[in-house]
Amino acid sequence: MRGRTFQKVCERIPDALVVAHPQGQLVWFNDAFCQLLGVDHDVLRWKPFLDFVHPDRERTKDAYLSLFARKLPMRAFPIRLIPPE
């Protein structure tokens, strides 16, 4: 699958997909992610991804930060999110 085709599939998939900058800012996400949080794309762009992780998921945040610190690849994290204030 070529880049544009892959991007179109990711944009239309019903699951929330997110790409974060290595420092954690959101650089790409699909409409399903916006709908999950109930906000517009413009509200989320370049916001720190960890700002949306529910406070009861501190271990998820710690795992993300540990992978980042060791420069290991990050895949999927099962998480609970909260909408931005």
C-alpha atoms as a PDB file:
ATOM      1  CA  MET A   1       0.000   0.000   0.000  1.00  0.00           C
ATOM      2  CA  ARG A   2       1.451   3.375  -0.994  1.00  0.00           C
ATOM      3  CA  GLY A   3       1.664   6.392   1.325  1.00  0.00           C
ATOM      4  CA  ARG A   4      -1.416   8.317   0.144  1.00  0.00           C
ATOM      5  CA  THR A   5      -3.575   5.189   0.059  1.00  0.00           C
ATOM      6  CA  PHE A   6      -2.402   4.205   3.544  1.00  0.00           C
ATOM      7  CA  GLN A   7      -3.169   7.706   4.843  1.00  0.00           C
ATOM      8  CA  LYS A   8      -6.679   7.607   3.354  1.00  0.00           C
ATOM      9  CA  VAL A   9      -7.341   4.243   4.993  1.00  0.00           C
ATOM     10  CA  CYS A  10      -6.095   5.579   8.348  1.00  0.00           C
ATOM     11  CA  GLU A  11      -8.293   8.662   8.037  1.00  0.00           C
ATOM     12  CA  ARG A  12     -11.404   6.555   7.433  1.00  0.00           C
ATOM     13  CA  ILE A  13     -10.833   3.732   9.909  1.00  0.00           C
ATOM     14  CA  PRO A  14     -13.394   3.738  12.755  1.00  0.00           C
ATOM     15  CA  ASP A  15     -10.694   3.272  15.423  1.00  0.00           C
ATOM     16  CA  ALA A  16      -8.891   6.260  16.912  1.00  0.00           C
ATOM     17  CA  LEU A  17      -5.378   6.527  15.494  1.00  0.00           C
ATOM     18  CA  VAL A  18      -2.729   8.946  16.717  1.00  0.00           C
ATOM     19  CA  VAL A  19       0.826   9.833  15.732  1.00  0.00           C
ATOM     20  CA  ALA A  20       2.799  11.767  18.310  1.00  0.00           C
ATOM     21  CA  HIS A  21       6.097  13.613  17.946  1.00  0.00           C
ATOM     22  CA  PRO A  22       8.900  11.986  19.985  1.00  0.00           C
ATOM     23  CA  GLN A  23       8.401  14.701  22.621  1.00  0.00           C
ATOM     24  CA  GLY A  24       4.744  13.676  22.850  1.00  0.00           C
ATOM     25  CA  GLN A  25       2.910  16.386  20.876  1.00  0.00           C
ATOM     26  CA  LEU A  26       0.129  15.212  18.575  1.00  0.00           C
ATOM     27  CA  VAL A  27       1.163  15.636  14.944  1.00  0.00           C
ATOM     28  CA  TRP A  28      -1.466  13.499  13.198  1.00  0.00           C
ATOM     29  CA  PHE A  29      -4.750  11.896  14.246  1.00  0.00           C
ATOM     30  CA  ASN A  30      -7.860  10.742  12.489  1.00  0.00           C
ATOM     31  CA  ASP A  31     -11.456  11.919  12.821  1.00  0.00           C
ATOM     32  CA  ALA A  32     -12.276   8.971  15.092  1.00  0.00           C
ATOM     33  CA  PHE A  33      -9.828  10.350  17.679  1.00  0.00           C
ATOM     34  CA  CYS A  34     -11.466  13.791  17.511  1.00  0.00           C
ATOM     35  CA  GLN A  35     -14.915  12.240  17.854  1.00  0.00           C
ATOM     36  CA  LEU A  36     -13.764  10.147  20.807  1.00  0.00           C
ATOM     37  CA  LEU A  37     -12.686  13.305  22.637  1.00  0.00           C
ATOM     38  CA  GLY A  38     -15.518  15.420  21.234  1.00  0.00           C
ATOM     39  CA  VAL A  39     -13.288  18.176  19.877  1.00  0.00           C
ATOM     40  CA  ASP A  40     -12.144  19.662  16.566  1.00  0.00           C
ATOM     41  CA  HIS A  41      -8.779  18.936  14.919  1.00  0.00           C
ATOM     42  CA  ASP A  42      -7.528  22.461  15.607  1.00  0.00           C
ATOM     43  CA  VAL A  43      -7.982  22.031  19.360  1.00  0.00           C
ATOM     44  CA  LEU A  44      -5.730  18.967  19.439  1.00  0.00           C
ATOM     45  CA  ARG A  45      -2.903  19.752  17.029  1.00  0.00           C
ATOM     46  CA  TRP A  46       0.490  19.943  18.768  1.00  0.00           C
ATOM     47  CA  LYS A  47      -1.043  19.339  22.205  1.00  0.00           C
ATOM     48  CA  PRO A  48       0.889  16.911  24.426  1.00  0.00           C
ATOM     49  CA  PHE A  49      -0.644  13.458  24.035  1.00  0.00           C
ATOM     50  CA  LEU A  50      -0.186  12.670  27.726  1.00  0.00           C
ATOM     51  CA  ASP A  51      -2.514  15.566  28.610  1.00  0.00           C
ATOM     52  CA  PHE A  52      -5.390  13.376  27.398  1.00  0.00           C
ATOM     53  CA  VAL A  53      -4.498  10.223  29.315  1.00  0.00           C
ATOM     54  CA  HIS A  54      -6.874   9.706  32.250  1.00  0.00           C
ATOM     55  CA  PRO A  55      -5.248  10.239  35.691  1.00  0.00           C
ATOM     56  CA  ASP A  56      -6.011   6.646  36.706  1.00  0.00           C
ATOM     57  CA  ARG A  57      -3.665   5.457  33.953  1.00  0.00           C
ATOM     58  CA  GLU A  58      -0.394   6.660  35.476  1.00  0.00           C
ATOM     59  CA  ARG A  59       1.292   3.335  34.655  1.00  0.00           C
ATOM     60  CA  THR A  60       0.494   3.909  30.981  1.00  0.00           C
ATOM     61  CA  LYS A  61       2.124   7.333  31.163  1.00  0.00           C
ATOM     62  CA  ASP A  62       5.133   5.844  32.930  1.00  0.00           C
ATOM     63  CA  ALA A  63       5.460   3.099  30.284  1.00  0.00           C
ATOM     64  CA  TYR A  64       5.309   5.672  27.482  1.00  0.00           C
ATOM     65  CA  LEU A  65       7.920   7.881  29.136  1.00  0.00           C
ATOM     66  CA  SER A  66      10.172   4.881  29.796  1.00  0.00           C
ATOM     67  CA  LEU A  67      10.062   3.805  26.139  1.00  0.00           C
ATOM     68  CA  PHE A  68      10.710   7.371  25.049  1.00  0.00           C
ATOM     69  CA  ALA A  69      13.681   7.768  27.413  1.00  0.00           C
ATOM     70  CA  ARG A  70      15.239   4.557  26.085  1.00  0.00           C
ATOM     71  CA  LYS A  71      14.479   5.569  22.453  1.00  0.00           C
ATOM     72  CA  LEU A  72      12.518   2.366  21.879  1.00  0.00           C
ATOM     73  CA  PRO A  73       9.744   2.120  19.273  1.00  0.00           C
ATOM     74  CA  MET A  74       6.240   2.769  20.518  1.00  0.00           C
ATOM     75  CA  ARG A  75       3.305   0.806  19.273  1.00  0.00           C
ATOM     76  CA  ALA A  76      -0.223   0.716  20.628  1.00  0.00           C
ATOM     77  CA  PHE A  77      -1.180   1.616  24.164  1.00  0.00           C
ATOM     78  CA  PRO A  78      -4.553   0.614  25.579  1.00  0.00           C
ATOM     79  CA  ILE A  79      -5.513   3.797  27.371  1.00  0.00           C
ATOM     80  CA  ARG A  80      -8.393   5.710  28.849  1.00  0.00           C
ATOM     81  CA  LEU A  81      -8.671   9.268  27.595  1.00  0.00           C
ATOM     82  CA  ILE A  82     -10.211  12.478  28.885  1.00  0.00           C
ATOM     83  CA  PRO A  83     -11.308  15.399  26.700  1.00  0.00           C
ATOM     84  CA  PRO A  84      -9.328  18.639  26.868  1.00  0.00           C
ATOM     85  CA  GLU A  85     -10.631  21.336  29.155  1.00  0.00           C
END
